[in-house]
PDB file of N, CA and C in Angstrom:
ATOM      1  N   UNK A   1      97.624  24.204  -1.900  1.00  0.00           N
ATOM      2  CA  UNK A   1      98.786  24.502  -1.098  1.00  0.00           C
ATOM      3  C   UNK A   1      99.387  23.177  -0.654  1.00  0.00           C
ATOM      4  N   UNK A   2     100.684  23.016  -0.869  1.00  0.00           N
ATOM      5  CA  UNK A   2     101.332  21.788  -0.446  1.00  0.00           C
ATOM      6  C   UNK A   2     101.932  21.958   0.943  1.00  0.00           C
ATOM      7  N   UNK A   3     101.928  20.881   1.664  1.00  0.00           N
ATOM      8  CA  UNK A   3     102.408  20.911   3.028  1.00  0.00           C
ATOM      9  C   UNK A   3     103.905  20.640   3.054  1.00  0.00           C
ATOM     10  N   UNK A   4     104.640  21.476   3.772  1.00  0.00           N
ATOM     11  CA  UNK A   4     106.081  21.297   3.949  1.00  0.00           C
ATOM     12  C   UNK A   4     106.316  20.895   5.397  1.00  0.00           C
ATOM     13  N   UNK A   5     106.576  19.610   5.649  1.00  0.00           N
ATOM     14  CA  UNK A   5     106.712  19.154   7.030  1.00  0.00           C
ATOM     15  C   UNK A   5     107.908  19.752   7.758  1.00  0.00           C
ATOM     16  N   UNK A   6     108.872  20.275   7.029  1.00  0.00           N
ATOM     17  CA  UNK A   6     110.037  20.863   7.671  1.00  0.00           C
ATOM     18  C   UNK A   6     109.905  22.341   7.954  1.00  0.00           C
ATOM     19  N   UNK A   7     108.825  22.953   7.496  1.00  0.00           N
ATOM     20  CA  UNK A   7     108.670  24.402   7.649  1.00  0.00           C
ATOM     21  C   UNK A   7     108.597  24.820   9.113  1.00  0.00           C
ATOM     22  N   UNK A   8     107.913  24.062   9.927  1.00  0.00           N
ATOM     23  CA  UNK A   8     107.797  24.412  11.341  1.00  0.00           C
ATOM     24  C   UNK A   8     109.169  24.373  12.008  1.00  0.00           C
ATOM     25  N   UNK A   9     109.903  23.303  11.796  1.00  0.00           N
ATOM     26  CA  UNK A   9     111.230  23.199  12.407  1.00  0.00           C
ATOM     27  C   UNK A   9     112.171  24.269  11.856  1.00  0.00           C
ATOM     28  N   UNK A  10     112.054  24.584  10.578  1.00  0.00           N
ATOM     29  CA  UNK A  10     112.896  25.632   9.994  1.00  0.00           C
ATOM     30  C   UNK A  10     112.579  26.993  10.616  1.00  0.00           C
ATOM     31  N   UNK A  11     111.305  27.269  10.815  1.00  0.00           N
ATOM     32  CA  UNK A  11     110.910  28.540  11.433  1.00  0.00           C
ATOM     33  C   UNK A  11     111.405  28.608  12.874  1.00  0.00           C
ATOM     34  N   UNK A  12     111.305  27.507  13.579  1.00  0.00           N
ATOM     35  CA  UNK A  12     111.780  27.479  14.971  1.00  0.00           C
ATOM     36  C   UNK A  12     113.294  27.648  15.031  1.00  0.00           C
ATOM     37  N   UNK A  13     114.011  26.985  14.155  1.00  0.00           N
ATOM     38  CA  UNK A  13     115.470  27.103  14.126  1.00  0.00           C
ATOM     39  C   UNK A  13     115.880  28.530  13.787  1.00  0.00           C
ATOM     40  N   UNK A  14     115.171  29.151  12.864  1.00  0.00           N
ATOM     41  CA  UNK A  14     115.475  30.537  12.510  1.00  0.00           C
ATOM     42  C   UNK A  14     115.238  31.470  13.691  1.00  0.00           C
ATOM     43  N   UNK A  15     114.254  31.152  14.502  1.00  0.00           N
ATOM     44  CA  UNK A  15     113.912  32.013  15.637  1.00  0.00           C
ATOM     45  C   UNK A  15     114.851  31.841  16.826  1.00  0.00           C
ATOM     46  N   UNK A  16     115.267  30.598  17.097  1.00  0.00           N
ATOM     47  CA  UNK A  16     116.033  30.347  18.328  1.00  0.00           C
ATOM     48  C   UNK A  16     117.441  29.824  18.081  1.00  0.00           C
ATOM     49  N   UNK A  17     117.780  29.620  16.837  1.00  0.00           N
ATOM     50  CA  UNK A  17     119.115  29.103  16.550  1.00  0.00           C
ATOM     51  C   UNK A  17     119.128  27.587  16.502  1.00  0.00           C
ATOM     52  N   UNK A  18     120.310  27.058  16.369  1.00  0.00           N
ATOM     53  CA  UNK A  18     120.481  25.619  16.186  1.00  0.00           C
ATOM     54  C   UNK A  18     120.618  24.905  17.528  1.00  0.00           C
ATOM     55  N   UNK A  19     119.577  25.006  18.336  1.00  0.00           N
ATOM     56  CA  UNK A  19     119.526  24.321  19.627  1.00  0.00           C
ATOM     57  C   UNK A  19     118.408  23.291  19.543  1.00  0.00           C
ATOM     58  N   UNK A  20     118.751  22.039  19.239  1.00  0.00           N
ATOM     59  CA  UNK A  20     117.707  21.033  19.007  1.00  0.00           C
ATOM     60  C   UNK A  20     116.786  20.808  20.194  1.00  0.00           C
ATOM     61  N   UNK A  21     117.274  20.966  21.403  1.00  0.00           N
ATOM     62  CA  UNK A  21     116.426  20.775  22.587  1.00  0.00           C
ATOM     63  C   UNK A  21     115.383  21.884  22.673  1.00  0.00           C
ATOM     64  N   UNK A  22     115.813  23.125  22.456  1.00  0.00           N
ATOM     65  CA  UNK A  22     114.883  24.249  22.494  1.00  0.00           C
ATOM     66  C   UNK A  22     113.877  24.157  21.344  1.00  0.00           C
ATOM     67  N   UNK A  23     114.348  23.786  20.162  1.00  0.00           N
ATOM     68  CA  UNK A  23     113.439  23.618  19.017  1.00  0.00           C
ATOM     69  C   UNK A  23     112.391  22.554  19.346  1.00  0.00           C
ATOM     70  N   UNK A  24     112.823  21.440  19.911  1.00  0.00           N
ATOM     71  CA  UNK A  24     111.881  20.367  20.263  1.00  0.00           C
ATOM     72  C   UNK A  24     110.882  20.834  21.316  1.00  0.00           C
ATOM     73  N   UNK A  25     111.353  21.572  22.311  1.00  0.00           N
ATOM     74  CA  UNK A  25     110.455  22.093  23.352  1.00  0.00           C
ATOM     75  C   UNK A  25     109.422  23.040  22.761  1.00  0.00           C
ATOM     76  N   UNK A  26     109.868  23.962  21.909  1.00  0.00           N
ATOM     77  CA  UNK A  26     108.935  24.904  21.288  1.00  0.00           C
ATOM     78  C   UNK A  26     107.957  24.199  20.360  1.00  0.00           C
ATOM     79  N   UNK A  27     108.429  23.196  19.664  1.00  0.00           N
ATOM     80  CA  UNK A  27     107.556  22.417  18.785  1.00  0.00           C
ATOM     81  C   UNK A  27     106.456  21.755  19.615  1.00  0.00           C
ATOM     82  N   UNK A  28     106.825  21.184  20.762  1.00  0.00           N
ATOM     83  CA  UNK A  28     105.834  20.555  21.641  1.00  0.00           C
ATOM     84  C   UNK A  28     104.836  21.572  22.180  1.00  0.00           C
ATOM     85  N   UNK A  29     105.309  22.756  22.546  1.00  0.00           N
ATOM     86  CA  UNK A  29     104.413  23.813  23.018  1.00  0.00           C
ATOM     87  C   UNK A  29     103.424  24.192  21.914  1.00  0.00           C
ATOM     88  N   UNK A  30     103.939  24.341  20.696  1.00  0.00           N
ATOM     89  CA  UNK A  30     103.067  24.660  19.562  1.00  0.00           C
ATOM     90  C   UNK A  30     102.003  23.573  19.389  1.00  0.00           C
ATOM     91  N   UNK A  31     102.432  22.323  19.353  1.00  0.00           N
ATOM     92  CA  UNK A  31     101.491  21.228  19.122  1.00  0.00           C
ATOM     93  C   UNK A  31     100.439  21.129  20.222  1.00  0.00           C
ATOM     94  N   UNK A  32     100.845  21.303  21.474  1.00  0.00           N
ATOM     95  CA  UNK A  32      99.889  21.251  22.579  1.00  0.00           C
ATOM     96  C   UNK A  32      98.896  22.405  22.503  1.00  0.00           C
ATOM     97  N   UNK A  33      99.394  23.597  22.225  1.00  0.00           N
ATOM     98  CA  UNK A  33      98.504  24.767  22.133  1.00  0.00           C
ATOM     99  C   UNK A  33      97.548  24.635  20.954  1.00  0.00           C
ATOM    100  N   UNK A  34      98.069  24.190  19.822  1.00  0.00           N
ATOM    101  CA  UNK A  34      97.219  24.011  18.648  1.00  0.00           C
ATOM    102  C   UNK A  34      96.157  22.947  18.909  1.00  0.00           C
ATOM    103  N   UNK A  35      96.543  21.877  19.568  1.00  0.00           N
ATOM    104  CA  UNK A  35      95.575  20.820  19.879  1.00  0.00           C
ATOM    105  C   UNK A  35      94.450  21.348  20.760  1.00  0.00           C
ATOM    106  N   UNK A  36      94.777  22.225  21.708  1.00  0.00           N
ATOM    107  CA  UNK A  36      93.730  22.825  22.558  1.00  0.00           C
ATOM    108  C   UNK A  36      92.745  23.640  21.710  1.00  0.00           C
ATOM    109  N   UNK A  37      93.250  24.386  20.745  1.00  0.00           N
ATOM    110  CA  UNK A  37      92.359  25.200  19.920  1.00  0.00           C
ATOM    111  C   UNK A  37      91.533  24.341  18.965  1.00  0.00           C
ATOM    112  N   UNK A  38      92.130  23.287  18.445  1.00  0.00           N
ATOM    113  CA  UNK A  38      91.367  22.362  17.593  1.00  0.00           C
ATOM    114  C   UNK A  38      90.272  21.694  18.418  1.00  0.00           C
ATOM    115  N   UNK A  39      90.582  21.340  19.641  1.00  0.00           N
ATOM    116  CA  UNK A  39      89.586  20.776  20.548  1.00  0.00           C
ATOM    117  C   UNK A  39      88.463  21.788  20.800  1.00  0.00           C
ATOM    118  N   UNK A  40      88.846  23.052  21.015  1.00  0.00           N
ATOM    119  CA  UNK A  40      87.831  24.104  21.227  1.00  0.00           C
ATOM    120  C   UNK A  40      86.955  24.267  19.989  1.00  0.00           C
ATOM    121  N   UNK A  41      87.555  24.181  18.808  1.00  0.00           N
ATOM    122  CA  UNK A  41      86.755  24.241  17.577  1.00  0.00           C
ATOM    123  C   UNK A  41      85.754  23.088  17.542  1.00  0.00           C
ATOM    124  N   UNK A  42      86.211  21.913  17.896  1.00  0.00           N
ATOM    125  CA  UNK A  42      85.336  20.741  17.875  1.00  0.00           C
ATOM    126  C   UNK A  42      84.175  20.838  18.845  1.00  0.00           C
ATOM    127  N   UNK A  43      84.375  21.573  19.935  1.00  0.00           N
ATOM    128  CA  UNK A  43      83.315  21.728  20.943  1.00  0.00           C
ATOM    129  C   UNK A  43      82.421  22.939  20.696  1.00  0.00           C
ATOM    130  N   UNK A  44      82.863  23.869  19.867  1.00  0.00           N
ATOM    131  CA  UNK A  44      82.129  25.129  19.666  1.00  0.00           C
ATOM    132  C   UNK A  44      80.768  24.871  19.035  1.00  0.00           C
ATOM    133  N   UNK A  45      79.760  25.518  19.594  1.00  0.00           N
ATOM    134  CA  UNK A  45      78.404  25.384  19.067  1.00  0.00           C
ATOM    135  C   UNK A  45      77.816  26.726  18.647  1.00  0.00           C
ATOM    136  N   UNK A  46      78.510  27.803  18.952  1.00  0.00           N
ATOM    137  CA  UNK A  46      78.008  29.108  18.539  1.00  0.00           C
ATOM    138  C   UNK A  46      79.085  29.828  17.730  1.00  0.00           C
ATOM    139  N   UNK A  47      78.656  30.813  16.969  1.00  0.00           N
ATOM    140  CA  UNK A  47      79.579  31.546  16.104  1.00  0.00           C
ATOM    141  C   UNK A  47      80.732  32.170  16.880  1.00  0.00           C
ATOM    142  N   UNK A  48      80.450  32.751  18.023  1.00  0.00           N
ATOM    143  CA  UNK A  48      81.483  33.457  18.780  1.00  0.00           C
ATOM    144  C   UNK A  48      82.583  32.505  19.257  1.00  0.00           C
ATOM    145  N   UNK A  49      82.197  31.380  19.814  1.00  0.00           N
ATOM    146  CA  UNK A  49      83.200  30.418  20.290  1.00  0.00           C
ATOM    147  C   UNK A  49      83.993  29.817  19.128  1.00  0.00           C
ATOM    148  N   UNK A  50      83.313  29.531  18.043  1.00  0.00           N
ATOM    149  CA  UNK A  50      83.959  28.979  16.854  1.00  0.00           C
ATOM    150  C   UNK A  50      85.001  29.965  16.308  1.00  0.00           C
ATOM    151  N   UNK A  51      84.576  31.208  16.128  1.00  0.00           N
ATOM    152  CA  UNK A  51      85.502  32.212  15.581  1.00  0.00           C
ATOM    153  C   UNK A  51      86.667  32.478  16.530  1.00  0.00           C
ATOM    154  N   UNK A  52      86.401  32.528  17.814  1.00  0.00           N
ATOM    155  CA  UNK A  52      87.465  32.763  18.790  1.00  0.00           C
ATOM    156  C   UNK A  52      88.528  31.661  18.709  1.00  0.00           C
ATOM    157  N   UNK A  53      88.090  30.412  18.676  1.00  0.00           N
ATOM    158  CA  UNK A  53      89.040  29.300  18.576  1.00  0.00           C
ATOM    159  C   UNK A  53      89.785  29.335  17.243  1.00  0.00           C
ATOM    160  N   UNK A  54      89.071  29.672  16.177  1.00  0.00           N
ATOM    161  CA  UNK A  54      89.710  29.740  14.853  1.00  0.00           C
ATOM    162  C   UNK A  54      90.769  30.834  14.819  1.00  0.00           C
ATOM    163  N   UNK A  55      90.470  31.998  15.360  1.00  0.00           N
ATOM    164  CA  UNK A  55      91.446  33.089  15.337  1.00  0.00           C
ATOM    165  C   UNK A  55      92.596  32.849  16.303  1.00  0.00           C
ATOM    166  N   UNK A  56      92.338  32.169  17.388  1.00  0.00           N
ATOM    167  CA  UNK A  56      93.448  31.789  18.278  1.00  0.00           C
ATOM    168  C   UNK A  56      94.371  30.795  17.578  1.00  0.00           C
ATOM    169  N   UNK A  57      93.787  29.846  16.880  1.00  0.00           N
ATOM    170  CA  UNK A  57      94.586  28.890  16.110  1.00  0.00           C
ATOM    171  C   UNK A  57      95.360  29.613  15.015  1.00  0.00           C
ATOM    172  N   UNK A  58      94.716  30.548  14.372  1.00  0.00           N
ATOM    173  CA  UNK A  58      95.370  31.335  13.325  1.00  0.00           C
ATOM    174  C   UNK A  58      96.571  32.098  13.892  1.00  0.00           C
ATOM    175  N   UNK A  59      96.382  32.776  15.001  1.00  0.00           N
ATOM    176  CA  UNK A  59      97.466  33.540  15.611  1.00  0.00           C
ATOM    177  C   UNK A  59      98.617  32.647  16.044  1.00  0.00           C
ATOM    178  N   UNK A  60      98.289  31.513  16.612  1.00  0.00           N
ATOM    179  CA  UNK A  60      99.312  30.564  17.027  1.00  0.00           C
ATOM    180  C   UNK A  60     100.092  30.068  15.809  1.00  0.00           C
ATOM    181  N   UNK A  61      99.368  29.694  14.767  1.00  0.00           N
ATOM    182  CA  UNK A  61     100.022  29.220  13.545  1.00  0.00           C
ATOM    183  C   UNK A  61     100.908  30.310  12.943  1.00  0.00           C
ATOM    184  N   UNK A  62     100.435  31.539  12.965  1.00  0.00           N
ATOM    185  CA  UNK A  62     101.233  32.652  12.435  1.00  0.00           C
ATOM    186  C   UNK A  62     102.502  32.843  13.248  1.00  0.00           C
ATOM    187  N   UNK A  63     102.400  32.708  14.548  1.00  0.00           N
ATOM    188  CA  UNK A  63     103.563  32.873  15.423  1.00  0.00           C
ATOM    189  C   UNK A  63     104.642  31.833  15.149  1.00  0.00           C
ATOM    190  N   UNK A  64     104.220  30.674  14.678  1.00  0.00           N
ATOM    191  CA  UNK A  64     105.164  29.584  14.449  1.00  0.00           C
ATOM    192  C   UNK A  64     105.425  29.335  12.960  1.00  0.00           C
ATOM    193  N   UNK A  65     104.912  30.184  12.103  1.00  0.00           N
ATOM    194  CA  UNK A  65     105.159  30.035  10.669  1.00  0.00           C
ATOM    195  C   UNK A  65     104.468  28.849  10.026  1.00  0.00           C
ATOM    196  N   UNK A  66     103.383  28.387  10.618  1.00  0.00           N
ATOM    197  CA  UNK A  66     102.631  27.247  10.091  1.00  0.00           C
ATOM    198  C   UNK A  66     101.585  27.766   9.099  1.00  0.00           C
ATOM    199  N   UNK A  67     102.037  28.053   7.884  1.00  0.00           N
ATOM    200  CA  UNK A  67     101.227  28.750   6.885  1.00  0.00           C
ATOM    201  C   UNK A  67      99.970  27.976   6.502  1.00  0.00           C
ATOM    202  N   UNK A  68     100.096  26.676   6.296  1.00  0.00           N
ATOM    203  CA  UNK A  68      98.917  25.895   5.895  1.00  0.00           C
ATOM    204  C   UNK A  68      97.864  25.892   7.002  1.00  0.00           C
ATOM    205  N   UNK A  69      98.299  25.775   8.237  1.00  0.00           N
ATOM    206  CA  UNK A  69      97.365  25.802   9.362  1.00  0.00           C
ATOM    207  C   UNK A  69      96.716  27.177   9.490  1.00  0.00           C
ATOM    208  N   UNK A  70      97.474  28.232   9.206  1.00  0.00           N
ATOM    209  CA  UNK A  70      96.899  29.586   9.205  1.00  0.00           C
ATOM    210  C   UNK A  70      95.753  29.679   8.206  1.00  0.00           C
ATOM    211  N   UNK A  71      95.986  29.182   7.005  1.00  0.00           N
ATOM    212  CA  UNK A  71      94.961  29.243   5.959  1.00  0.00           C
ATOM    213  C   UNK A  71      93.715  28.457   6.355  1.00  0.00           C
ATOM    214  N   UNK A  72      93.915  27.302   6.954  1.00  0.00           N
ATOM    215  CA  UNK A  72      92.773  26.503   7.393  1.00  0.00           C
ATOM    216  C   UNK A  72      92.015  27.185   8.520  1.00  0.00           C
ATOM    217  N   UNK A  73      92.731  27.847   9.414  1.00  0.00           N
ATOM    218  CA  UNK A  73      92.074  28.584  10.492  1.00  0.00           C
ATOM    219  C   UNK A  73      91.250  29.739   9.926  1.00  0.00           C
ATOM    220  N   UNK A  74      91.760  30.383   8.878  1.00  0.00           N
ATOM    221  CA  UNK A  74      90.981  31.443   8.222  1.00  0.00           C
ATOM    222  C   UNK A  74      89.712  30.858   7.609  1.00  0.00           C
ATOM    223  N   UNK A  75      89.839  29.695   6.972  1.00  0.00           N
ATOM    224  CA  UNK A  75      88.656  29.029   6.413  1.00  0.00           C
ATOM    225  C   UNK A  75      87.642  28.735   7.510  1.00  0.00           C
ATOM    226  N   UNK A  76      88.134  28.277   8.652  1.00  0.00           N
ATOM    227  CA  UNK A  76      87.234  27.971   9.772  1.00  0.00           C
ATOM    228  C   UNK A  76      86.529  29.233  10.245  1.00  0.00           C
ATOM    229  N   UNK A  77      87.287  30.307  10.419  1.00  0.00           N
ATOM    230  CA  UNK A  77      86.700  31.562  10.916  1.00  0.00           C
ATOM    231  C   UNK A  77      85.610  32.076   9.987  1.00  0.00           C
ATOM    232  N   UNK A  78      85.764  31.834   8.707  1.00  0.00           N
ATOM    233  CA  UNK A  78      84.783  32.306   7.731  1.00  0.00           C
ATOM    234  C   UNK A  78      83.590  31.355   7.600  1.00  0.00           C
ATOM    235  N   UNK A  79      83.713  30.165   8.169  1.00  0.00           N
ATOM    236  CA  UNK A  79      82.672  29.160   8.010  1.00  0.00           C
ATOM    237  C   UNK A  79      81.720  29.075   9.178  1.00  0.00           C
ATOM    238  N   UNK A  80      80.915  28.048   9.124  1.00  0.00           N
ATOM    239  CA  UNK A  80      79.904  27.819  10.158  1.00  0.00           C
ATOM    240  C   UNK A  80      80.473  26.972  11.288  1.00  0.00           C
ATOM    241  N   UNK A  81      80.020  27.204  12.514  1.00  0.00           N
ATOM    242  CA  UNK A  81      80.477  26.401  13.640  1.00  0.00           C
ATOM    243  C   UNK A  81      80.269  24.911  13.395  1.00  0.00           C
ATOM    244  N   UNK A  82      81.301  24.135  13.707  1.00  0.00           N
ATOM    245  CA  UNK A  82      81.205  22.687  13.581  1.00  0.00           C
ATOM    246  C   UNK A  82      81.365  22.165  12.174  1.00  0.00           C
ATOM    247  N   UNK A  83      81.784  22.993  11.235  1.00  0.00           N
ATOM    248  CA  UNK A  83      81.948  22.556   9.849  1.00  0.00           C
ATOM    249  C   UNK A  83      82.847  21.317   9.814  1.00  0.00           C
ATOM    250  N   UNK A  84      82.282  20.159   9.472  1.00  0.00           N
ATOM    251  CA  UNK A  84      83.063  18.927   9.532  1.00  0.00           C
ATOM    252  C   UNK A  84      84.194  18.870   8.506  1.00  0.00           C
ATOM    253  N   UNK A  85      84.028  19.528   7.384  1.00  0.00           N
ATOM    254  CA  UNK A  85      85.066  19.497   6.353  1.00  0.00           C
ATOM    255  C   UNK A  85      86.305  20.247   6.818  1.00  0.00           C
ATOM    256  N   UNK A  86      86.128  21.447   7.324  1.00  0.00           N
ATOM    257  CA  UNK A  86      87.283  22.225   7.773  1.00  0.00           C
ATOM    258  C   UNK A  86      87.918  21.589   9.007  1.00  0.00           C
ATOM    259  N   UNK A  87      87.118  21.044   9.896  1.00  0.00           N
ATOM    260  CA  UNK A  87      87.672  20.356  11.065  1.00  0.00           C
ATOM    261  C   UNK A  87      88.514  19.152  10.640  1.00  0.00           C
ATOM    262  N   UNK A  88      88.026  18.409   9.697  1.00  0.00           N
ATOM    263  CA  UNK A  88      88.755  17.235   9.203  1.00  0.00           C
ATOM    264  C   UNK A  88      90.083  17.664   8.576  1.00  0.00           C
ATOM    265  N   UNK A  89      90.060  18.747   7.803  1.00  0.00           N
ATOM    266  CA  UNK A  89      91.287  19.238   7.168  1.00  0.00           C
ATOM    267  C   UNK A  89      92.283  19.757   8.202  1.00  0.00           C
ATOM    268  N   UNK A  90      91.794  20.449   9.216  1.00  0.00           N
ATOM    269  CA  UNK A  90      92.666  20.956  10.280  1.00  0.00           C
ATOM    270  C   UNK A  90      93.290  19.782  11.040  1.00  0.00           C
ATOM    271  N   UNK A  91      92.480  18.804  11.377  1.00  0.00           N
ATOM    272  CA  UNK A  91      93.002  17.648  12.117  1.00  0.00           C
ATOM    273  C   UNK A  91      94.025  16.871  11.281  1.00  0.00           C
ATOM    274  N   UNK A  92      93.760  16.738   9.990  1.00  0.00           N
ATOM    275  CA  UNK A  92      94.710  16.043   9.112  1.00  0.00           C
ATOM    276  C   UNK A  92      96.037  16.797   9.052  1.00  0.00           C
ATOM    277  N   UNK A  93      95.970  18.114   9.003  1.00  0.00           N
ATOM    278  CA  UNK A  93      97.193  18.913   8.982  1.00  0.00           C
ATOM    279  C   UNK A  93      97.933  18.790  10.296  1.00  0.00           C
ATOM    280  N   UNK A  94      97.214  18.808  11.397  1.00  0.00           N
ATOM    281  CA  UNK A  94      97.856  18.634  12.701  1.00  0.00           C
ATOM    282  C   UNK A  94      98.557  17.277  12.769  1.00  0.00           C
ATOM    283  N   UNK A  95      97.947  16.254  12.207  1.00  0.00           N
ATOM    284  CA  UNK A  95      98.569  14.929  12.198  1.00  0.00           C
ATOM    285  C   UNK A  95      99.881  14.944  11.424  1.00  0.00           C
ATOM    286  N   UNK A  96      99.959  15.749  10.378  1.00  0.00           N
ATOM    287  CA  UNK A  96     101.199  15.849   9.614  1.00  0.00           C
ATOM    288  C   UNK A  96     102.315  16.480  10.453  1.00  0.00           C
ATOM    289  N   UNK A  97     101.963  17.422  11.315  1.00  0.00           N
ATOM    290  CA  UNK A  97     102.965  18.053  12.175  1.00  0.00           C
ATOM    291  C   UNK A  97     103.491  17.077  13.224  1.00  0.00           C
ATOM    292  N   UNK A  98     102.688  16.105  13.607  1.00  0.00           N
ATOM    293  CA  UNK A  98     103.101  15.195  14.665  1.00  0.00           C
ATOM    294  C   UNK A  98     103.780  13.944  14.129  1.00  0.00           C
ATOM    295  N   UNK A  99     103.750  13.747  12.820  1.00  0.00           N
ATOM    296  CA  UNK A  99     104.385  12.543  12.290  1.00  0.00           C
ATOM    297  C   UNK A  99     105.793  12.793  11.817  1.00  0.00           C
TER     298      UNK A  99
END
């Protein structure tokens, strides 16, 4: 799956119209919320906490049309708590959204 850095902004613009201030505000809310869930994934030591953070990240990504992040969250939910490979991939994707 290839990453489209404009997909998030396009989804936000489609949802709220061509208001760059509102799009920027919503983008920041998305990034802050996603960062909290990625942090929760990094701290999770049991299956329940890991899956909860993964599904919260998945739902957030779905709400904002972040398809690649959704797929990675599904991978996390299906995997073992603390899986370093999926965490690394999620963090790398988050970095793409912030650059």
